[in-house]
């Protein structure tokens, strides 16, 4: 709602009044929607100062280190709920009763099987393909197999598509992993938890029973919860932009996966682990710390600092404890993990990084946890995609419920002015 107004006074023109909008929490927003009709647009590369939509799903206060899903603090959800319960909250606004949760869980598990023809599509990919390339292709291809409910204007169709995506992502991810190993696919088991089912499909084999470690299962569940949504990030904005055209939900989520793949977004924990491996080869952490402080050196510490958080990332605080639990449970002495822990200690005690608020972020700890579980680094962004799918769906559904308006950003044109063409070809 509007609290007051701000006046823009263009040179030699009449003043333009704009409302100042106030949300439930957060910054004030200047409503600039009518500026275009007056011949003015705002210039904001990266949209760092622009609210692209209204949303009731997730709230972030980067200065205070606050993350809320539907008003619930992430710390409480990570410690007291499970991933599917969080999914219900993100999609339905409220925490479920026992009956509502059981019904929700039952629907999700009933859609976990993948159409058998999709498994044959894998033969067209090289076994050393990056799994995110396969995930993007597979997700978009789902529209060709589940086209009975693709009318985005029908609320029931949107609901069915949401359940199908949420259910099938772990199955698709596990198939990508198994294919890279040359191992047979493991079908989902509906009696297992969402996280437990993912671990089983990834690590079980037909000839050997896989015993799910409850500590690892809980760690995976927390990783999924902490990555479920994060407001208007690059991939979520991509999903909303694709969805604004009326594109089908599978295409929209495939677009989100593609955006997530970038090393500055979902690929950050993979990039972080690659950095640790580079440091490990040199076995000289102080030298890399010195390089990170040198503005003329291209080396950067991955897994530290965040675009939004200027305080400790609340998700990192939770995963730091989870990381210690996993390492203790597995009794690991991996040299790379030792390097990571030493690097963390140095950065947290160094005034240079403290002054710049470059704390370890969620990517730093999630990469260590996933590596400890035996998950290769190229699967890290795939795990992220599984977790974030529910957030993408929630935003996609919200924009349809609120009414579509196709995204159409403007630009500051800096090319040639109009000129005449004369062919130089003789």
Protein backbone atom coordinates (compact mmCIF):
# COMPACT_ATOMS: atom_id res chain seq x y z
CA UNK A 1 0.00 0.00 0.00
CA UNK A 2 1.09 3.60 -0.61
CA UNK A 3 2.33 5.52 2.43
CA UNK A 4 3.33 8.79 0.79
CA UNK A 5 4.57 10.19 -2.49
CA UNK A 6 7.81 11.31 -4.07
CA UNK A 7 8.00 13.97 -6.75
CA UNK A 8 10.22 13.80 -9.82
CA UNK A 9 10.78 17.19 -11.45
CA UNK A 10 12.11 16.85 -15.03
CA UNK A 11 13.78 19.88 -16.56
CA UNK A 12 11.24 22.19 -18.25
CA UNK A 13 8.37 19.79 -17.52
CA UNK A 14 5.63 19.44 -15.00
CA UNK A 15 6.40 17.52 -11.77
CA UNK A 16 5.55 13.80 -11.75
CA UNK A 17 4.22 12.34 -8.50
CA UNK A 18 4.88 8.67 -7.69
CA UNK A 19 3.58 6.60 -4.80
CA UNK A 20 5.94 5.15 -2.19
CA UNK A 21 4.83 1.58 -1.56
CA UNK A 22 5.28 -0.21 1.75
CA UNK A 23 5.33 -3.99 2.06
CA UNK A 24 4.90 -6.08 5.19
CA UNK A 25 8.64 -5.85 5.78
CA UNK A 26 11.64 -4.46 3.96
CA UNK A 27 12.59 -1.44 1.91
CA UNK A 28 10.25 1.22 0.58
CA UNK A 29 9.53 1.01 -3.14
CA UNK A 30 8.92 3.92 -5.50
CA UNK A 31 6.13 3.07 -7.96
CA UNK A 32 7.63 4.14 -11.29
CA UNK A 33 5.12 2.39 -13.54
CA UNK A 34 3.81 5.64 -14.98
CA UNK A 35 7.19 7.15 -15.80
CA UNK A 36 7.26 5.47 -19.20
CA UNK A 37 4.18 7.33 -20.38
CA UNK A 38 6.04 10.56 -19.56
CA UNK A 39 9.07 9.54 -21.64
CA UNK A 40 11.33 8.37 -18.80
CA UNK A 41 12.68 4.96 -17.76
CA UNK A 42 15.02 4.00 -14.93
CA UNK A 43 18.50 2.59 -15.53
CA UNK A 44 19.34 -0.26 -13.15
CA UNK A 45 21.76 -2.89 -14.55
CA UNK A 46 21.34 -6.18 -12.71
CA UNK A 47 18.05 -4.91 -11.20
CA UNK A 48 19.79 -4.43 -7.85
CA UNK A 49 17.47 -1.56 -6.91
CA UNK A 50 14.33 -2.68 -8.71
CA UNK A 51 11.36 -4.69 -7.42
CA UNK A 52 10.16 -6.72 -10.39
CA UNK A 53 7.05 -8.06 -8.71
CA UNK A 54 4.97 -8.36 -5.56
CA UNK A 55 5.39 -11.63 -3.68
CA UNK A 56 4.24 -13.23 -0.43
CA UNK A 57 6.65 -16.18 -0.52
CA UNK A 58 10.12 -15.32 0.79
CA UNK A 59 11.63 -12.37 2.65
CA UNK A 60 15.35 -11.58 3.00
CA UNK A 61 17.03 -8.93 5.10
CA UNK A 62 20.65 -9.11 4.01
CA UNK A 63 21.93 -6.63 6.60
CA UNK A 64 20.40 -8.50 9.52
CA UNK A 65 20.96 -12.00 8.12
CA UNK A 66 17.25 -12.88 8.09
CA UNK A 67 15.55 -15.39 5.76
CA UNK A 68 11.84 -16.16 6.09
CA UNK A 69 9.71 -18.64 4.13
CA UNK A 70 6.09 -17.43 4.36
CA UNK A 71 7.10 -15.65 7.57
CA UNK A 72 8.73 -18.69 9.18
CA UNK A 73 12.44 -18.24 10.12
CA UNK A 74 14.74 -20.52 8.16
CA UNK A 75 16.49 -21.58 11.39
CA UNK A 76 13.25 -23.02 12.78
CA UNK A 77 12.31 -24.75 9.55
CA UNK A 78 15.75 -26.34 9.10
CA UNK A 79 15.79 -27.73 12.63
CA UNK A 80 12.14 -28.62 13.23
CA UNK A 81 10.61 -29.55 9.86
CA UNK A 82 11.41 -31.67 6.82
CA UNK A 83 11.73 -30.74 3.17
CA UNK A 84 8.25 -31.83 2.09
CA UNK A 85 6.69 -29.89 4.94
CA UNK A 86 8.61 -26.82 3.76
CA UNK A 87 7.37 -27.49 0.22
CA UNK A 88 3.80 -27.49 1.48
CA UNK A 89 4.40 -24.18 3.27
CA UNK A 90 5.95 -22.52 0.22
CA UNK A 91 3.13 -23.68 -2.04
CA UNK A 92 0.20 -23.16 0.34
CA UNK A 93 1.30 -20.33 2.66
CA UNK A 94 0.49 -22.19 5.89
CA UNK A 95 2.02 -25.08 7.84
CA UNK A 96 0.10 -28.33 7.20
CA UNK A 97 -1.85 -30.35 9.71
CA UNK A 98 -0.93 -34.03 10.02
CA UNK A 99 -3.76 -34.96 7.66
CA UNK A 100 -2.85 -32.31 5.12
CA UNK A 101 0.80 -33.30 5.17
CA UNK A 102 0.05 -36.99 4.70
CA UNK A 103 -2.17 -36.23 1.72
CA UNK A 104 0.49 -33.94 0.25
CA UNK A 105 3.24 -36.52 0.79
CA UNK A 106 1.09 -39.23 -0.78
CA UNK A 107 0.48 -37.17 -3.93
CA UNK A 108 4.17 -36.32 -4.30
CA UNK A 109 5.28 -39.93 -3.97
CA UNK A 110 2.65 -41.11 -6.45
CA UNK A 111 4.31 -39.09 -9.24
CA UNK A 112 7.95 -40.10 -8.72
CA UNK A 113 8.13 -42.61 -11.59
CA UNK A 114 9.50 -41.33 -14.90
CA UNK A 115 8.00 -42.32 -18.25
CA UNK A 116 10.13 -45.22 -19.51
CA UNK A 117 10.75 -43.57 -22.89
CA UNK A 118 12.53 -40.72 -21.12
CA UNK A 119 15.13 -43.17 -19.81
CA UNK A 120 15.92 -44.12 -23.41
CA UNK A 121 16.65 -40.49 -24.23
CA UNK A 122 19.77 -40.76 -22.09
CA UNK A 123 21.43 -42.86 -24.78
CA UNK A 124 21.69 -39.72 -26.87
CA UNK A 125 23.95 -38.03 -24.31
CA UNK A 126 27.64 -38.64 -23.81
CA UNK A 127 28.30 -40.30 -20.45
CA UNK A 128 30.69 -37.52 -19.51
CA UNK A 129 28.10 -34.81 -20.18
CA UNK A 130 27.60 -32.34 -17.36
CA UNK A 131 24.48 -33.51 -15.52
CA UNK A 132 22.99 -30.00 -15.59
CA UNK A 133 22.95 -30.16 -19.39
CA UNK A 134 20.95 -33.37 -19.18
CA UNK A 135 18.67 -32.03 -16.42
CA UNK A 136 17.75 -29.00 -18.49
CA UNK A 137 16.98 -31.13 -21.52
CA UNK A 138 15.02 -33.70 -19.56
CA UNK A 139 12.92 -31.16 -17.70
CA UNK A 140 11.91 -29.37 -20.86
CA UNK A 141 11.15 -32.73 -22.50
CA UNK A 142 8.64 -33.61 -19.76
CA UNK A 143 6.14 -31.39 -21.58
CA UNK A 144 6.17 -33.89 -24.44
CA UNK A 145 5.15 -36.74 -22.12
CA UNK A 146 2.81 -35.03 -19.66
CA UNK A 147 0.85 -32.78 -21.99
CA UNK A 148 -2.54 -33.70 -20.54
CA UNK A 149 -2.32 -30.81 -18.05
CA UNK A 150 -0.43 -27.98 -19.74
CA UNK A 151 -3.08 -25.26 -19.93
CA UNK A 152 -1.51 -22.66 -17.64
CA UNK A 153 -4.81 -20.80 -17.49
CA UNK A 154 -6.46 -23.70 -15.63
CA UNK A 155 -5.68 -23.75 -11.89
CA UNK A 156 -6.03 -27.53 -11.68
CA UNK A 157 -3.51 -28.00 -14.50
CA UNK A 158 -1.05 -25.75 -12.70
CA UNK A 159 -1.45 -27.83 -9.55
CA UNK A 160 -0.89 -31.13 -11.37
CA UNK A 161 2.21 -29.79 -13.12
CA UNK A 162 3.56 -28.55 -9.80
CA UNK A 163 3.27 -31.99 -8.22
CA UNK A 164 4.82 -33.69 -11.23
CA UNK A 165 7.85 -31.43 -11.19
CA UNK A 166 8.37 -31.65 -7.46
CA UNK A 167 8.06 -35.44 -7.57
CA UNK A 168 10.17 -36.25 -10.61
CA UNK A 169 13.21 -34.02 -10.10
CA UNK A 170 15.04 -36.40 -7.71
CA UNK A 171 14.37 -39.30 -10.08
CA UNK A 172 15.76 -37.36 -13.04
CA UNK A 173 18.80 -36.29 -11.02
CA UNK A 174 19.58 -39.82 -9.87
CA UNK A 175 19.24 -41.07 -13.45
CA UNK A 176 21.82 -38.50 -14.60
CA UNK A 177 24.21 -39.68 -11.91
CA UNK A 178 23.75 -43.38 -12.57
CA UNK A 179 24.14 -42.86 -16.31
CA UNK A 180 27.50 -41.13 -15.80
CA UNK A 181 28.70 -44.20 -13.87
CA UNK A 182 27.32 -46.73 -16.33
CA UNK A 183 25.16 -48.23 -13.60
CA UNK A 184 21.51 -49.33 -13.90
CA UNK A 185 18.82 -46.94 -12.72
CA UNK A 186 17.25 -47.44 -9.32
CA UNK A 187 13.52 -46.86 -9.15
CA UNK A 188 12.10 -44.62 -6.40
CA UNK A 189 10.77 -46.18 -3.21
CA UNK A 190 7.76 -44.34 -1.91
CA UNK A 191 8.22 -45.55 1.66
CA UNK A 192 11.39 -43.47 1.99
CA UNK A 193 11.63 -39.77 2.80
CA UNK A 194 12.25 -37.29 -0.02
CA UNK A 195 15.94 -36.98 0.93
CA UNK A 196 16.28 -40.69 1.70
CA UNK A 197 14.77 -41.63 -1.65
CA UNK A 198 17.25 -39.39 -3.46
CA UNK A 199 20.21 -40.96 -1.64
CA UNK A 200 18.90 -44.46 -2.29
CA UNK A 201 18.40 -43.84 -6.03
CA UNK A 202 21.92 -42.42 -6.28
CA UNK A 203 23.87 -44.99 -4.25
CA UNK A 204 21.91 -48.25 -4.23
CA UNK A 205 22.59 -50.99 -6.78
CA UNK A 206 20.39 -53.96 -7.80
CA UNK A 207 22.84 -56.41 -6.27
CA UNK A 208 23.50 -54.65 -3.00
CA UNK A 209 21.24 -53.09 -0.37
CA UNK A 210 22.00 -49.48 0.48
CA UNK A 211 21.63 -48.61 4.15
CA UNK A 212 20.57 -44.98 4.51
CA UNK A 213 22.58 -43.25 7.20
CA UNK A 214 20.14 -41.07 9.20
CA UNK A 215 22.79 -38.39 9.78
CA UNK A 216 23.40 -38.08 6.04
CA UNK A 217 19.69 -38.24 5.31
CA UNK A 218 19.07 -35.35 7.69
CA UNK A 219 21.99 -33.40 6.24
CA UNK A 220 20.58 -33.79 2.73
CA UNK A 221 17.14 -32.77 3.99
CA UNK A 222 18.61 -29.58 5.46
CA UNK A 223 20.46 -28.78 2.26
CA UNK A 224 17.17 -29.10 0.38
CA UNK A 225 15.32 -26.91 2.89
CA UNK A 226 17.97 -24.20 2.91
CA UNK A 227 18.04 -24.01 -0.90
CA UNK A 228 14.27 -24.25 -1.44
CA UNK A 229 13.78 -20.56 -2.20
CA UNK A 230 15.68 -17.29 -2.04
CA UNK A 231 13.41 -14.54 -3.28
CA UNK A 232 14.03 -12.94 -6.72
CA UNK A 233 17.41 -14.49 -7.52
CA UNK A 234 18.66 -14.97 -11.09
CA UNK A 235 17.03 -18.37 -11.72
CA UNK A 236 13.72 -17.46 -10.06
CA UNK A 237 13.57 -14.24 -12.06
CA UNK A 238 14.28 -16.33 -15.16
CA UNK A 239 11.38 -18.66 -14.34
CA UNK A 240 9.09 -15.69 -13.82
CA UNK A 241 10.22 -14.05 -17.07
CA UNK A 242 9.69 -17.26 -19.06
CA UNK A 243 6.37 -17.84 -17.32
CA UNK A 244 5.18 -14.32 -18.09
CA UNK A 245 4.88 -15.31 -21.75
CA UNK A 246 2.47 -18.13 -20.85
CA UNK A 247 5.09 -20.84 -21.45
CA UNK A 248 4.35 -24.28 -20.03
CA UNK A 249 5.72 -25.02 -16.53
CA UNK A 250 8.27 -27.63 -17.67
CA UNK A 251 9.82 -25.11 -20.08
CA UNK A 252 9.90 -22.47 -17.34
CA UNK A 253 11.66 -24.75 -14.85
CA UNK A 254 14.10 -25.86 -17.56
CA UNK A 255 14.92 -22.17 -18.08
CA UNK A 256 15.50 -21.86 -14.33
CA UNK A 257 17.87 -24.83 -14.39
CA UNK A 258 19.85 -23.22 -17.21
CA UNK A 259 20.20 -19.97 -15.25
CA UNK A 260 21.10 -21.87 -12.08
CA UNK A 261 23.98 -23.63 -13.83
CA UNK A 262 26.12 -20.47 -13.83
CA UNK A 263 29.17 -20.45 -11.55
CA UNK A 264 27.96 -17.24 -9.87
CA UNK A 265 24.65 -18.92 -8.92
CA UNK A 266 23.96 -22.64 -8.51
CA UNK A 267 27.43 -23.61 -9.69
CA UNK A 268 29.07 -21.66 -6.88
CA UNK A 269 29.55 -24.66 -4.58
CA UNK A 270 31.11 -26.62 -7.45
CA UNK A 271 33.39 -23.65 -8.14
CA UNK A 272 34.19 -23.51 -4.42
CA UNK A 273 35.31 -27.13 -4.36
CA UNK A 274 37.41 -26.59 -7.49
CA UNK A 275 39.09 -23.69 -5.68
CA UNK A 276 39.85 -25.91 -2.67
CA UNK A 277 41.41 -28.46 -4.98
CA UNK A 278 43.58 -25.74 -6.52
CA UNK A 279 44.69 -24.59 -3.07
CA UNK A 280 45.32 -28.18 -2.00
CA UNK A 281 47.74 -28.70 -4.88
CA UNK A 282 49.80 -25.77 -3.73
CA UNK A 283 49.45 -26.67 -0.04
CA UNK A 284 49.96 -23.00 0.74
CA UNK A 285 46.81 -21.31 2.06
CA UNK A 286 48.53 -18.03 3.08
CA UNK A 287 49.70 -17.54 -0.50
CA UNK A 288 46.14 -17.86 -1.80
CA UNK A 289 44.87 -15.53 0.95
CA UNK A 290 47.42 -12.98 -0.24
CA UNK A 291 46.25 -13.41 -3.82
CA UNK A 292 42.61 -12.93 -2.75
CA UNK A 293 43.55 -9.56 -1.21
CA UNK A 294 45.38 -8.41 -4.32
CA UNK A 295 42.93 -6.42 -6.46
CA UNK A 296 45.17 -6.96 -9.49
CA UNK A 297 45.00 -10.76 -9.14
CA UNK A 298 42.09 -12.55 -10.83
CA UNK A 299 41.94 -15.16 -8.05
CA UNK A 300 38.86 -14.92 -5.82
CA UNK A 301 37.85 -16.87 -2.74
CA UNK A 302 34.76 -18.81 -3.75
CA UNK A 303 32.25 -19.64 -1.03
CA UNK A 304 32.76 -16.38 0.87
CA UNK A 305 30.50 -13.34 0.83
CA UNK A 306 27.07 -12.99 -0.79
CA UNK A 307 25.33 -10.59 -3.16
CA UNK A 308 22.47 -10.03 -0.68
CA UNK A 309 23.82 -10.90 2.77
CA UNK A 310 26.09 -8.30 4.35
CA UNK A 311 26.02 -10.28 7.56
CA UNK A 312 26.46 -13.99 8.24
CA UNK A 313 24.27 -16.00 5.86
CA UNK A 314 21.74 -17.69 8.20
CA UNK A 315 21.81 -20.78 6.01
CA UNK A 316 25.58 -21.03 6.40
CA UNK A 317 25.26 -20.99 10.18
CA UNK A 318 23.00 -24.05 10.04
CA UNK A 319 25.09 -25.90 7.47
CA UNK A 320 28.28 -25.25 9.41
CA UNK A 321 26.86 -27.30 12.29
CA UNK A 322 25.51 -29.90 9.87
CA UNK A 323 28.93 -30.11 8.20
CA UNK A 324 30.57 -30.88 11.54
CA UNK A 325 27.95 -33.55 12.28
CA UNK A 326 28.56 -35.24 8.92
CA UNK A 327 32.35 -35.19 9.21
CA UNK A 328 32.13 -36.61 12.73
CA UNK A 329 29.71 -39.33 11.64
CA UNK A 330 31.85 -40.40 8.70
CA UNK A 331 35.15 -40.05 10.61
CA UNK A 332 36.65 -38.37 7.58
CA UNK A 333 40.21 -37.10 7.38
CA UNK A 334 40.11 -36.09 3.72
CA UNK A 335 42.94 -33.65 3.03
CA UNK A 336 40.68 -31.38 1.01
CA UNK A 337 38.28 -31.07 3.93
CA UNK A 338 41.19 -30.22 6.22
CA UNK A 339 42.17 -27.44 3.79
CA UNK A 340 38.58 -26.15 3.82
CA UNK A 341 38.39 -26.04 7.60
CA UNK A 342 41.76 -24.30 7.86
CA UNK A 343 40.75 -21.77 5.21
CA UNK A 344 37.51 -21.09 7.07
CA UNK A 345 39.41 -20.47 10.32
CA UNK A 346 41.87 -18.07 8.68
CA UNK A 347 39.13 -16.04 6.92
CA UNK A 348 36.98 -15.76 10.05
CA UNK A 349 39.95 -14.36 11.99
CA UNK A 350 41.38 -12.06 9.32
CA UNK A 351 40.44 -8.35 9.74
CA UNK A 352 40.55 -7.88 5.94
CA UNK A 353 37.66 -10.29 5.40
CA UNK A 354 35.82 -9.34 8.60
CA UNK A 355 35.75 -5.64 7.62
CA UNK A 356 34.37 -6.56 4.20
CA UNK A 357 31.88 -8.99 5.76
CA UNK A 358 33.14 -11.85 3.60
CA UNK A 359 31.85 -14.65 5.78
CA UNK A 360 31.64 -18.26 4.58
CA UNK A 361 28.35 -18.69 2.75
CA UNK A 362 25.99 -21.59 2.13
CA UNK A 363 27.95 -22.73 -0.93
CA UNK A 364 31.13 -23.24 1.10
CA UNK A 365 29.57 -25.67 3.57
CA UNK A 366 27.15 -27.43 1.21
CA UNK A 367 30.02 -28.35 -1.10
CA UNK A 368 31.98 -29.91 1.76
CA UNK A 369 28.92 -31.85 2.97
CA UNK A 370 28.07 -33.19 -0.49
CA UNK A 371 31.68 -34.20 -1.14
CA UNK A 372 31.75 -36.01 2.20
CA UNK A 373 28.70 -37.99 1.11
CA UNK A 374 30.53 -39.14 -2.01
CA UNK A 375 28.62 -36.88 -4.41
CA UNK A 376 30.85 -35.55 -7.22
CA UNK A 377 31.14 -31.79 -7.67
CA UNK A 378 29.38 -31.75 -11.05
CA UNK A 379 26.26 -33.02 -9.26
CA UNK A 380 26.26 -30.12 -6.76
CA UNK A 381 24.17 -27.76 -8.93
CA UNK A 382 21.81 -30.65 -9.68
CA UNK A 383 21.11 -31.07 -5.95
CA UNK A 384 20.55 -27.31 -5.82
CA UNK A 385 18.08 -27.59 -8.72
CA UNK A 386 16.12 -30.33 -6.94
CA UNK A 387 15.82 -28.14 -3.85
CA UNK A 388 14.98 -24.92 -5.70
CA UNK A 389 12.29 -26.50 -7.89
CA UNK A 390 9.61 -25.92 -5.25
CA UNK A 391 10.59 -22.24 -4.99
CA UNK A 392 10.42 -21.84 -8.75
CA UNK A 393 7.02 -23.54 -8.80
CA UNK A 394 5.71 -21.36 -5.97
CA UNK A 395 6.73 -18.18 -7.80
CA UNK A 396 5.41 -19.48 -11.12
CA UNK A 397 2.05 -20.29 -9.53
CA UNK A 398 1.93 -16.96 -7.69
CA UNK A 399 2.43 -14.94 -10.85
CA UNK A 400 -0.38 -16.84 -12.56
CA UNK A 401 -2.67 -16.40 -9.56
CA UNK A 402 -1.94 -12.66 -9.55
CA UNK A 403 -2.47 -12.28 -13.29
CA UNK A 404 0.14 -12.42 -16.05
CA UNK A 405 1.88 -9.42 -17.54
CA UNK A 406 4.64 -10.29 -19.96
CA UNK A 407 8.08 -9.13 -18.88
CA UNK A 408 9.50 -6.43 -21.14
CA UNK A 409 12.49 -4.53 -19.70
CA UNK A 410 13.69 -1.41 -21.47
CA UNK A 411 17.25 -0.35 -22.28
CA UNK A 412 19.57 2.63 -22.42
CA UNK A 413 20.49 2.66 -26.10
CA UNK A 414 24.11 3.69 -26.77
CA UNK A 415 24.49 2.66 -30.42
CA UNK A 416 24.45 4.73 -33.60
CA UNK A 417 21.81 7.37 -34.15
CA UNK A 418 19.75 6.94 -37.31
CA UNK A 419 21.94 7.11 -40.43
CA UNK A 420 21.62 6.45 -44.14
CA UNK A 421 22.78 3.23 -45.73
CA UNK A 422 24.93 3.17 -48.86
CA UNK A 423 26.14 -0.21 -50.06
CA UNK A 424 29.91 -0.56 -50.27
CA UNK A 425 29.66 -3.75 -52.32
CA UNK A 426 30.61 -3.29 -55.99
